[in-house]
Amino acid sequence: MARIELNSVAPDFTLTDFNGQSVTLSDYQNDKNVVLVFNRGFT
């Protein structure tokens, strides 16, 4: 697993939101702040 240092630029990625829609980080570049939450144990 790659380690990302604090305050570095996040790599672009796509994840599925809770509605099953794909969300890509770069879609929000220079537009909105993004907060990521990783819940352990949820499927």
PDB file of N, CA and C in Angstrom:
ATOM      1  N   MET A   1       0.841  -1.168   0.000  1.00  0.00           N
ATOM      2  CA  MET A   1       0.000   0.000   0.000  1.00  0.00           C
ATOM      3  C   MET A   1       0.895   1.242   0.000  1.00  0.00           C
ATOM      4  N   ALA A   2       0.561   2.187  -0.846  1.00  0.00           N
ATOM      5  CA  ALA A   2       1.329   3.428  -0.926  1.00  0.00           C
ATOM      6  C   ALA A   2       1.000   4.331   0.252  1.00  0.00           C
ATOM      7  N   ARG A   3       2.011   5.014   0.737  1.00  0.00           N
ATOM      8  CA  ARG A   3       1.810   5.953   1.839  1.00  0.00           C
ATOM      9  C   ARG A   3       1.810   7.367   1.265  1.00  0.00           C
ATOM     10  N   ILE A   4       0.836   8.147   1.643  1.00  0.00           N
ATOM     11  CA  ILE A   4       0.727   9.529   1.198  1.00  0.00           C
ATOM     12  C   ILE A   4       1.056  10.422   2.387  1.00  0.00           C
ATOM     13  N   GLU A   5       1.978  11.334   2.190  1.00  0.00           N
ATOM     14  CA  GLU A   5       2.409  12.225   3.258  1.00  0.00           C
ATOM     15  C   GLU A   5       1.358  13.307   3.518  1.00  0.00           C
ATOM     16  N   LEU A   6       1.313  13.762   4.746  1.00  0.00           N
ATOM     17  CA  LEU A   6       0.420  14.830   5.156  1.00  0.00           C
ATOM     18  C   LEU A   6       0.676  16.077   4.320  1.00  0.00           C
ATOM     19  N   ASN A   7      -0.388  16.756   3.935  1.00  0.00           N
ATOM     20  CA  ASN A   7      -0.346  17.997   3.145  1.00  0.00           C
ATOM     21  C   ASN A   7       0.142  17.811   1.714  1.00  0.00           C
ATOM     22  N   SER A   8       0.147  16.589   1.209  1.00  0.00           N
ATOM     23  CA  SER A   8       0.519  16.376  -0.187  1.00  0.00           C
ATOM     24  C   SER A   8      -0.747  16.347  -1.043  1.00  0.00           C
ATOM     25  N   VAL A   9      -0.576  16.510  -2.330  1.00  0.00           N
ATOM     26  CA  VAL A   9      -1.704  16.469  -3.255  1.00  0.00           C
ATOM     27  C   VAL A   9      -2.198  15.033  -3.365  1.00  0.00           C
ATOM     28  N   ALA A  10      -3.487  14.852  -3.237  1.00  0.00           N
ATOM     29  CA  ALA A  10      -4.069  13.505  -3.325  1.00  0.00           C
ATOM     30  C   ALA A  10      -4.053  13.010  -4.766  1.00  0.00           C
ATOM     31  N   PRO A  11      -3.779  11.730  -4.971  1.00  0.00           N
ATOM     32  CA  PRO A  11      -3.860  11.185  -6.324  1.00  0.00           C
ATOM     33  C   PRO A  11      -5.321  11.130  -6.772  1.00  0.00           C
ATOM     34  N   ASP A  12      -5.547  11.233  -8.053  1.00  0.00           N
ATOM     35  CA  ASP A  12      -6.922  11.159  -8.554  1.00  0.00           C
ATOM     36  C   ASP A  12      -7.435   9.734  -8.391  1.00  0.00           C
ATOM     37  N   PHE A  13      -8.693   9.603  -8.027  1.00  0.00           N
ATOM     38  CA  PHE A  13      -9.294   8.283  -7.856  1.00  0.00           C
ATOM     39  C   PHE A  13     -10.801   8.384  -8.041  1.00  0.00           C
ATOM     40  N   THR A  14     -11.422   7.238  -8.250  1.00  0.00           N
ATOM     41  CA  THR A  14     -12.870   7.152  -8.376  1.00  0.00           C
ATOM     42  C   THR A  14     -13.374   6.141  -7.364  1.00  0.00           C
ATOM     43  N   LEU A  15     -14.410   6.529  -6.623  1.00  0.00           N
ATOM     44  CA  LEU A  15     -15.052   5.652  -5.642  1.00  0.00           C
ATOM     45  C   LEU A  15     -16.552   5.665  -5.870  1.00  0.00           C
ATOM     46  N   THR A  16     -17.234   4.720  -5.276  1.00  0.00           N
ATOM     47  CA  THR A  16     -18.686   4.658  -5.351  1.00  0.00           C
ATOM     48  C   THR A  16     -19.271   5.273  -4.093  1.00  0.00           C
ATOM     49  N   ASP A  17     -20.235   6.195  -4.263  1.00  0.00           N
ATOM     50  CA  ASP A  17     -20.855   6.816  -3.100  1.00  0.00           C
ATOM     51  C   ASP A  17     -21.959   5.923  -2.544  1.00  0.00           C
ATOM     52  N   PHE A  18     -22.627   6.380  -1.492  1.00  0.00           N
ATOM     53  CA  PHE A  18     -23.638   5.558  -0.834  1.00  0.00           C
ATOM     54  C   PHE A  18     -24.881   5.341  -1.686  1.00  0.00           C
ATOM     55  N   ASN A  19     -25.004   6.060  -2.805  1.00  0.00           N
ATOM     56  CA  ASN A  19     -26.114   5.857  -3.742  1.00  0.00           C
ATOM     57  C   ASN A  19     -25.722   4.966  -4.917  1.00  0.00           C
ATOM     58  N   GLY A  20     -24.469   4.473  -4.910  1.00  0.00           N
ATOM     59  CA  GLY A  20     -24.007   3.614  -5.985  1.00  0.00           C
ATOM     60  C   GLY A  20     -23.481   4.372  -7.195  1.00  0.00           C
ATOM     61  N   GLN A  21     -23.327   5.698  -7.081  1.00  0.00           N
ATOM     62  CA  GLN A  21     -22.831   6.527  -8.172  1.00  0.00           C
ATOM     63  C   GLN A  21     -21.314   6.662  -8.075  1.00  0.00           C
ATOM     64  N   SER A  22     -20.640   6.666  -9.210  1.00  0.00           N
ATOM     65  CA  SER A  22     -19.197   6.875  -9.232  1.00  0.00           C
ATOM     66  C   SER A  22     -18.882   8.350  -9.005  1.00  0.00           C
ATOM     67  N   VAL A  23     -17.900   8.604  -8.156  1.00  0.00           N
ATOM     68  CA  VAL A  23     -17.462   9.965  -7.864  1.00  0.00           C
ATOM     69  C   VAL A  23     -15.955  10.007  -8.056  1.00  0.00           C
ATOM     70  N   THR A  24     -15.481  10.947  -8.872  1.00  0.00           N
ATOM     71  CA  THR A  24     -14.057  11.083  -9.147  1.00  0.00           C
ATOM     72  C   THR A  24     -13.544  12.357  -8.493  1.00  0.00           C
ATOM     73  N   LEU A  25     -12.433  12.248  -7.782  1.00  0.00           N
ATOM     74  CA  LEU A  25     -11.887  13.384  -7.051  1.00  0.00           C
ATOM     75  C   LEU A  25     -11.633  14.578  -7.956  1.00  0.00           C
ATOM     76  N   SER A  26     -11.078  14.364  -9.136  1.00  0.00           N
ATOM     77  CA  SER A  26     -10.738  15.484 -10.023  1.00  0.00           C
ATOM     78  C   SER A  26     -11.971  16.261 -10.495  1.00  0.00           C
ATOM     79  N   ASP A  27     -13.165  15.694 -10.374  1.00  0.00           N
ATOM     80  CA  ASP A  27     -14.385  16.425 -10.729  1.00  0.00           C
ATOM     81  C   ASP A  27     -14.601  17.631  -9.820  1.00  0.00           C
ATOM     82  N   TYR A  28     -13.980  17.635  -8.643  1.00  0.00           N
ATOM     83  CA  TYR A  28     -14.173  18.711  -7.673  1.00  0.00           C
ATOM     84  C   TYR A  28     -12.969  19.643  -7.576  1.00  0.00           C
ATOM     85  N   GLN A  29     -11.964  19.421  -8.404  1.00  0.00           N
ATOM     86  CA  GLN A  29     -10.759  20.235  -8.358  1.00  0.00           C
ATOM     87  C   GLN A  29     -11.082  21.697  -8.635  1.00  0.00           C
ATOM     88  N   ASN A  30     -10.541  22.586  -7.802  1.00  0.00           N
ATOM     89  CA  ASN A  30     -10.750  24.035  -7.910  1.00  0.00           C
ATOM     90  C   ASN A  30     -12.211  24.443  -7.812  1.00  0.00           C
ATOM     91  N   ASP A  31     -13.049  23.582  -7.223  1.00  0.00           N
ATOM     92  CA  ASP A  31     -14.473  23.877  -7.134  1.00  0.00           C
ATOM     93  C   ASP A  31     -14.977  23.778  -5.696  1.00  0.00           C
ATOM     94  N   LYS A  32     -14.662  22.668  -5.013  1.00  0.00           N
ATOM     95  CA  LYS A  32     -15.183  22.414  -3.680  1.00  0.00           C
ATOM     96  C   LYS A  32     -14.121  21.739  -2.823  1.00  0.00           C
ATOM     97  N   ASN A  33     -14.297  21.842  -1.514  1.00  0.00           N
ATOM     98  CA  ASN A  33     -13.458  21.079  -0.596  1.00  0.00           C
ATOM     99  C   ASN A  33     -13.998  19.663  -0.516  1.00  0.00           C
ATOM    100  N   VAL A  34     -13.113  18.712  -0.312  1.00  0.00           N
ATOM    101  CA  VAL A  34     -13.517  17.301  -0.246  1.00  0.00           C
ATOM    102  C   VAL A  34     -13.040  16.720   1.078  1.00  0.00           C
ATOM    103  N   VAL A  35     -13.952  16.010   1.756  1.00  0.00           N
ATOM    104  CA  VAL A  35     -13.619  15.308   2.991  1.00  0.00           C
ATOM    105  C   VAL A  35     -13.875  13.829   2.751  1.00  0.00           C
ATOM    106  N   LEU A  36     -12.869  13.005   3.010  1.00  0.00           N
ATOM    107  CA  LEU A  36     -13.018  11.561   2.844  1.00  0.00           C
ATOM    108  C   LEU A  36     -13.221  10.921   4.203  1.00  0.00           C
ATOM    109  N   VAL A  37     -14.165  10.000   4.278  1.00  0.00           N
ATOM    110  CA  VAL A  37     -14.410   9.254   5.507  1.00  0.00           C
ATOM    111  C   VAL A  37     -14.369   7.778   5.156  1.00  0.00           C
ATOM    112  N   PHE A  38     -13.513   7.047   5.834  1.00  0.00           N
ATOM    113  CA  PHE A  38     -13.403   5.601   5.633  1.00  0.00           C
ATOM    114  C   PHE A  38     -13.954   4.914   6.863  1.00  0.00           C
ATOM    115  N   ASN A  39     -15.075   4.214   6.710  1.00  0.00           N
ATOM    116  CA  ASN A  39     -15.687   3.486   7.808  1.00  0.00           C
ATOM    117  C   ASN A  39     -15.216   2.048   7.789  1.00  0.00           C
ATOM    118  N   ARG A  40     -14.579   1.623   8.842  1.00  0.00           N
ATOM    119  CA  ARG A  40     -14.103   0.249   8.918  1.00  0.00           C
ATOM    120  C   ARG A  40     -15.263  -0.677   9.265  1.00  0.00           C
ATOM    121  N   GLY A  41     -15.291  -1.837   8.633  1.00  0.00           N
ATOM    122  CA  GLY A  41     -16.269  -2.853   8.959  1.00  0.00           C
ATOM    123  C   GLY A  41     -17.579  -2.768   8.209  1.00  0.00           C
ATOM    124  N   PHE A  42     -17.755  -1.755   7.355  1.00  0.00           N
ATOM    125  CA  PHE A  42     -18.972  -1.649   6.575  1.00  0.00           C
ATOM    126  C   PHE A  42     -18.752  -2.248   5.193  1.00  0.00           C
ATOM    127  N   THR A  43     -19.797  -2.824   4.626  1.00  0.00           N
ATOM    128  CA  THR A  43     -19.684  -3.395   3.281  1.00  0.00           C
ATOM    129  C   THR A  43     -20.661  -2.756   2.345  1.00  0.00           C
TER     130      THR A  43
END
